[in-house]
Amino acid sequence: MNDTSQILDSALSYRVPMAVTSIRGFRTLTGGLSTYPVCPRCHTTMEHEYQAYCDRCGQALDWKDIKRANIIIS
């Protein structure tokens, strides 16, 4: 595979939806817990749930298994 094909394959892979399988939780000053979904490609937290693409890396997202996501407490 040449360099151009590898670049094209990498660029197109962002358009194939990846399942969101993690949620990061942060303790608030009042003792509550604020939760944010985690992008499966770049592993950063996203501000909104159920968006079509990660606002940081552009990965297409699949939300169908979000109810079974792992919760990571930070």
Protein backbone atom coordinates (compact mmCIF):
# COMPACT_ATOMS: atom_id res chain seq x y z
CA MET A 1 0.00 0.00 0.00
CA ASN A 2 1.44 3.39 -0.92
CA ASP A 3 1.43 6.53 1.23
CA THR A 4 -1.55 8.07 -0.58
CA SER A 5 -3.68 4.96 0.01
CA GLN A 6 -2.75 4.89 3.69
CA ILE A 7 -3.67 8.56 4.12
CA LEU A 8 -6.99 8.04 2.34
CA ASP A 9 -7.81 4.93 4.41
CA SER A 10 -7.03 6.82 7.62
CA ALA A 11 -9.17 9.80 6.58
CA LEU A 12 -12.11 7.58 5.65
CA SER A 13 -11.91 5.60 8.90
CA TYR A 14 -13.15 8.68 10.77
CA ARG A 15 -16.45 8.42 8.87
CA VAL A 16 -17.16 4.87 10.11
CA PRO A 17 -19.07 5.31 13.40
CA MET A 18 -17.30 4.05 16.53
CA ALA A 19 -19.28 3.10 19.63
CA VAL A 20 -19.09 5.43 22.61
CA THR A 21 -18.26 3.00 25.42
CA SER A 22 -16.89 5.24 28.21
CA ILE A 23 -18.20 8.06 30.35
CA ARG A 24 -15.89 10.13 32.54
CA GLY A 25 -17.27 11.41 35.84
CA PHE A 26 -15.97 14.40 37.78
CA ARG A 27 -16.88 15.19 41.37
CA THR A 28 -18.44 18.61 41.87
CA LEU A 29 -17.83 20.94 44.81
CA THR A 30 -21.25 20.04 46.21
CA GLY A 31 -20.44 16.31 46.18
CA GLY A 32 -22.37 15.49 43.03
CA LEU A 33 -21.04 13.88 39.88
CA SER A 34 -20.89 15.52 36.45
CA THR A 35 -20.53 13.02 33.60
CA TYR A 36 -19.27 13.46 30.05
CA PRO A 37 -19.00 10.93 27.20
CA VAL A 38 -15.50 10.01 25.99
CA CYS A 39 -14.58 9.87 22.30
CA PRO A 40 -13.47 6.34 21.36
CA ARG A 41 -10.75 7.65 18.99
CA CYS A 42 -9.09 10.63 20.73
CA HIS A 43 -10.19 9.73 24.32
CA THR A 44 -11.16 13.29 25.24
CA THR A 45 -14.40 14.19 26.96
CA MET A 46 -17.18 15.69 24.87
CA GLU A 47 -19.44 18.44 26.14
CA HIS A 48 -22.63 17.04 24.62
CA GLU A 49 -24.20 13.59 24.35
CA TYR A 50 -25.68 12.19 21.16
CA GLN A 51 -23.73 14.39 18.76
CA ALA A 52 -23.00 12.82 15.38
CA TYR A 53 -19.25 13.56 15.44
CA CYS A 54 -16.58 14.25 18.07
CA ASP A 55 -16.07 18.00 18.20
CA ARG A 56 -12.33 17.53 18.73
CA CYS A 57 -11.18 14.89 16.19
CA GLY A 58 -14.20 14.50 13.88
CA GLN A 59 -14.79 10.80 14.55
CA ALA A 60 -18.32 9.64 13.65
CA LEU A 61 -20.04 8.34 16.79
CA ASP A 62 -22.44 5.48 17.51
CA TRP A 63 -24.53 5.91 20.68
CA LYS A 64 -26.56 2.68 20.68
CA ASP A 65 -24.61 1.08 23.59
CA ILE A 66 -24.26 4.17 25.78
CA LYS A 67 -26.46 2.63 28.51
CA ARG A 68 -23.74 -0.03 29.06
CA ALA A 69 -20.80 2.40 28.99
CA ASN A 70 -17.97 2.12 31.52
CA ILE A 71 -17.94 4.97 34.02
CA ILE A 72 -14.49 6.34 34.84
CA ILE A 73 -14.32 8.51 37.97
CA SER A 74 -11.60 11.18 37.76
